[in-house]
Each structure stands twice: as structure tokens, then as C-alpha cells.
Amino acid sequence: MKFRLQSVNSAFAAIIFLGFAFTGQSQQSSSSQNPKPSSVLDRAKNKSNEKNFIIIPVGQEIRVDPVFPDGSSPTSRVDQGKVVTPVPVGFTTAIPALTKVHLLFTGTSDDGAYYRLTYVEINKKLYKIESDETPYAPSEMRFTLTKPLRLPR
């Protein structure tokens, strides 16, 4: 009985040993042929710069609060604003809240003054943005993108 138990244990140990030996050889040969990142969180160094951009799609809503420069009255034309809610693209925040935006006065109608977004300022750099026209609102204006916006990550 002991002989049989020892032979089963030694056979089991041999199988485990050979399994580890073959696994180690296959990992060494595959790593020498094709280097892979060591973690799923690592980025490949040879990726193109195209992946380093966030593209905000057409139809995305951007909510803006108009900001009046010091000394101007709320009845004057507004040329600046700040983003009220962050603009998400997937799990990434493309435009954070409180980001400065530039507004363009486009005209008046029975509804009042109309504005359009022209630029968004991220990290002290201006990015041209194209949106629809929206009537003036003292607290929150909602703009919709008419062209996709490409921003660096």
C-alpha cells in the first residue's frame, strides 16, 4: 500500500514539474519573439499619436454659464463663459467643469440675443469649437456641437 501511494505521489510530482518546465519554456520563447507589455495598464510605446486624442461627437451638449467681465453690466454682450457640467466621452472627462469658453454674439430676434460657442480653453490652449446658436440665458445656456471636437488627452 505504501509503495503504491509513493508511486502515485512521485507521478503527481513529475507531472507538476513537467508542467512548470514546459510553461516556462513557452513563455521564454514567446517573449523573445514578440515583446508584450508587462501589465494590462501599460501602454505600448510604439502606438501612433492618433490614440492620444479624445473626440467629442456631433450632438454632444455643452452647458455654459455666461460670465461678465469686471465692471460690465448683465445687459451688455457676453463674450466669455464657463462650462457648468463636465463633458464626458466614455469614462473620460473631455471638458472639465469650470473650463473657460468663448462666446460669439450672432444676432438678436424676438427671443433676445443669440450666441454661439467659438473656443474652449483647456490647459491655457484654445481649441476651435463649432456649435449651434442658443438664446441668451442668465444662468445656463445649452449648446450642441455641430462638428466633432478633437482634444488631446
Protein backbone atom coordinates (compact mmCIF):
# COMPACT_ATOMS: atom_id res chain seq x y z
CA MET A 1 0.00 0.00 0.00
CA LYS A 2 2.82 2.42 0.89
CA PHE A 3 4.64 1.59 -2.34
CA ARG A 4 1.54 2.37 -4.36
CA LEU A 5 0.98 5.68 -2.52
CA GLN A 6 4.61 6.72 -3.03
CA SER A 7 4.44 5.94 -6.75
CA VAL A 8 1.24 8.00 -7.09
CA ASN A 9 2.87 10.93 -5.23
CA SER A 10 6.03 10.74 -7.33
CA ALA A 11 4.00 10.52 -10.56
CA PHE A 12 1.95 13.54 -9.49
CA ALA A 13 5.13 15.48 -8.63
CA ALA A 14 6.64 14.58 -12.02
CA ILE A 15 3.55 15.82 -13.85
CA ILE A 16 3.60 19.13 -11.96
CA PHE A 17 7.34 19.54 -12.56
CA LEU A 18 7.00 18.89 -16.31
CA GLY A 19 4.03 21.26 -16.50
CA PHE A 20 6.05 24.11 -14.96
CA ALA A 21 9.05 23.30 -17.14
CA PHE A 22 7.04 23.46 -20.39
CA THR A 23 5.21 26.61 -19.29
CA GLY A 24 8.48 28.38 -18.55
CA GLN A 25 9.95 27.42 -21.94
CA SER A 26 6.87 28.54 -23.87
CA GLN A 27 6.85 31.91 -22.05
CA GLN A 28 10.54 32.45 -22.74
CA SER A 29 10.22 31.65 -26.45
CA SER A 30 7.13 33.84 -26.91
CA SER A 31 8.66 36.77 -25.02
CA SER A 32 11.81 36.70 -27.14
CA GLN A 33 9.79 36.68 -30.37
CA ASN A 34 7.17 39.30 -29.53
CA PRO A 35 7.68 41.59 -26.53
CA LYS A 36 4.42 42.36 -24.73
CA PRO A 37 3.60 44.89 -22.00
CA SER A 38 4.06 43.56 -18.52
CA SER A 39 0.67 44.81 -17.36
CA VAL A 40 -2.73 45.50 -18.88
CA LEU A 41 -2.38 49.08 -17.66
CA ASP A 42 0.86 49.67 -19.60
CA ARG A 43 0.62 51.44 -22.94
CA ALA A 44 2.65 50.26 -25.88
CA LYS A 45 5.39 52.73 -26.73
CA ASN A 46 5.04 52.40 -30.49
CA LYS A 47 1.36 53.39 -30.69
CA SER A 48 0.50 56.19 -33.04
CA ASN A 49 -0.41 59.63 -31.74
CA GLU A 50 -3.96 59.13 -33.03
CA LYS A 51 -4.83 57.28 -29.82
CA ASN A 52 -3.75 60.26 -27.69
CA PHE A 53 -6.85 62.27 -28.58
CA ILE A 54 -10.41 62.41 -27.32
CA ILE A 55 -13.06 63.07 -29.94
CA ILE A 56 -16.27 64.67 -28.72
CA PRO A 57 -19.01 63.61 -31.17
CA VAL A 58 -21.52 65.76 -33.03
CA GLY A 59 -24.66 66.33 -30.98
CA GLN A 60 -22.88 66.44 -27.61
CA GLU A 61 -24.45 69.03 -25.31
CA ILE A 62 -22.26 71.58 -23.56
CA ARG A 63 -23.83 73.61 -20.74
CA VAL A 64 -22.33 77.05 -20.26
CA ASP A 65 -22.83 79.72 -17.63
CA PRO A 66 -22.18 83.23 -19.06
CA VAL A 67 -19.53 85.24 -17.22
CA PHE A 68 -19.47 89.02 -17.25
CA PRO A 69 -16.08 90.76 -17.10
CA ASP A 70 -15.49 93.01 -14.09
CA GLY A 71 -17.24 96.32 -14.47
CA SER A 72 -19.71 95.25 -17.18
CA SER A 73 -23.44 95.00 -16.69
CA PRO A 74 -25.57 91.90 -17.37
CA THR A 75 -27.26 93.79 -20.22
CA SER A 76 -24.03 94.06 -22.23
CA ARG A 77 -22.89 91.43 -24.70
CA VAL A 78 -21.21 88.41 -23.17
CA ASP A 79 -18.03 87.04 -24.71
CA GLN A 80 -16.96 84.53 -22.07
CA GLY A 81 -18.47 81.71 -20.10
CA LYS A 82 -17.61 78.64 -18.09
CA VAL A 83 -18.69 75.03 -18.51
CA VAL A 84 -21.29 74.15 -15.86
CA THR A 85 -21.21 70.34 -16.04
CA PRO A 86 -18.30 68.17 -17.20
CA VAL A 87 -18.50 66.83 -20.74
CA PRO A 88 -17.90 63.06 -20.67
CA VAL A 89 -16.76 60.83 -23.52
CA GLY A 90 -17.00 57.24 -22.34
CA PHE A 91 -15.31 57.10 -18.93
CA THR A 92 -13.10 60.12 -19.67
CA THR A 93 -13.93 63.74 -18.87
CA ALA A 94 -13.19 65.54 -22.12
CA ILE A 95 -14.05 69.04 -20.87
CA PRO A 96 -13.99 69.55 -17.09
CA ALA A 97 -16.46 71.77 -15.25
CA LEU A 98 -15.43 75.43 -14.88
CA THR A 99 -13.48 75.33 -18.15
CA LYS A 100 -13.39 78.74 -19.82
CA VAL A 101 -15.22 79.10 -23.17
CA HIS A 102 -15.56 81.96 -25.63
CA LEU A 103 -18.95 83.03 -26.94
CA LEU A 104 -19.79 84.90 -30.13
CA PHE A 105 -22.80 87.19 -30.35
CA THR A 106 -24.60 86.21 -33.58
CA GLY A 107 -27.65 88.47 -33.54
CA THR A 108 -30.99 89.25 -31.99
CA SER A 109 -34.55 88.13 -32.60
CA ASP A 110 -37.87 88.22 -30.77
CA ASP A 111 -36.40 85.74 -28.24
CA GLY A 112 -33.44 88.02 -27.44
CA ALA A 113 -29.72 87.78 -28.14
CA TYR A 114 -28.26 84.64 -29.72
CA TYR A 115 -24.79 83.25 -29.06
CA ARG A 116 -22.55 80.53 -30.42
CA LEU A 117 -19.57 78.76 -28.84
CA THR A 118 -16.32 79.56 -30.66
CA TYR A 119 -13.44 78.35 -28.47
CA VAL A 120 -12.82 76.21 -25.41
CA GLU A 121 -9.71 76.87 -23.33
CA ILE A 122 -8.05 73.77 -21.86
CA ASN A 123 -4.63 73.98 -20.18
CA LYS A 124 -4.18 77.56 -21.44
CA LYS A 125 -4.64 76.46 -25.05
CA LEU A 126 -7.60 77.43 -27.26
CA TYR A 127 -9.46 74.82 -29.32
CA LYS A 128 -11.90 75.91 -32.02
CA ILE A 129 -15.40 74.60 -31.45
CA GLU A 130 -18.47 74.76 -33.67
CA SER A 131 -21.92 74.74 -32.13
CA ASP A 132 -25.50 75.77 -32.79
CA GLU A 133 -26.94 79.16 -31.84
CA THR A 134 -28.61 79.45 -28.45
CA PRO A 135 -30.63 82.31 -26.98
CA TYR A 136 -29.11 84.14 -24.04
CA ALA A 137 -29.98 82.83 -20.58
CA PRO A 138 -28.61 84.43 -17.40
CA SER A 139 -27.89 81.15 -15.63
CA GLU A 140 -27.28 78.33 -18.13
CA MET A 141 -27.06 78.16 -21.90
CA ARG A 142 -27.12 74.80 -23.69
CA PHE A 143 -25.07 74.41 -26.86
CA THR A 144 -24.92 71.39 -29.17
CA LEU A 145 -21.82 70.56 -31.20
CA THR A 146 -22.30 70.72 -34.98
CA LYS A 147 -18.82 69.33 -35.76
CA PRO A 148 -16.76 66.80 -33.78
CA LEU A 149 -14.15 68.30 -31.44
CA ARG A 150 -10.72 66.68 -31.17
CA LEU A 151 -8.86 67.30 -27.90
CA PRO A 152 -5.56 65.86 -26.64
CA ARG A 153 -5.72 63.55 -23.62
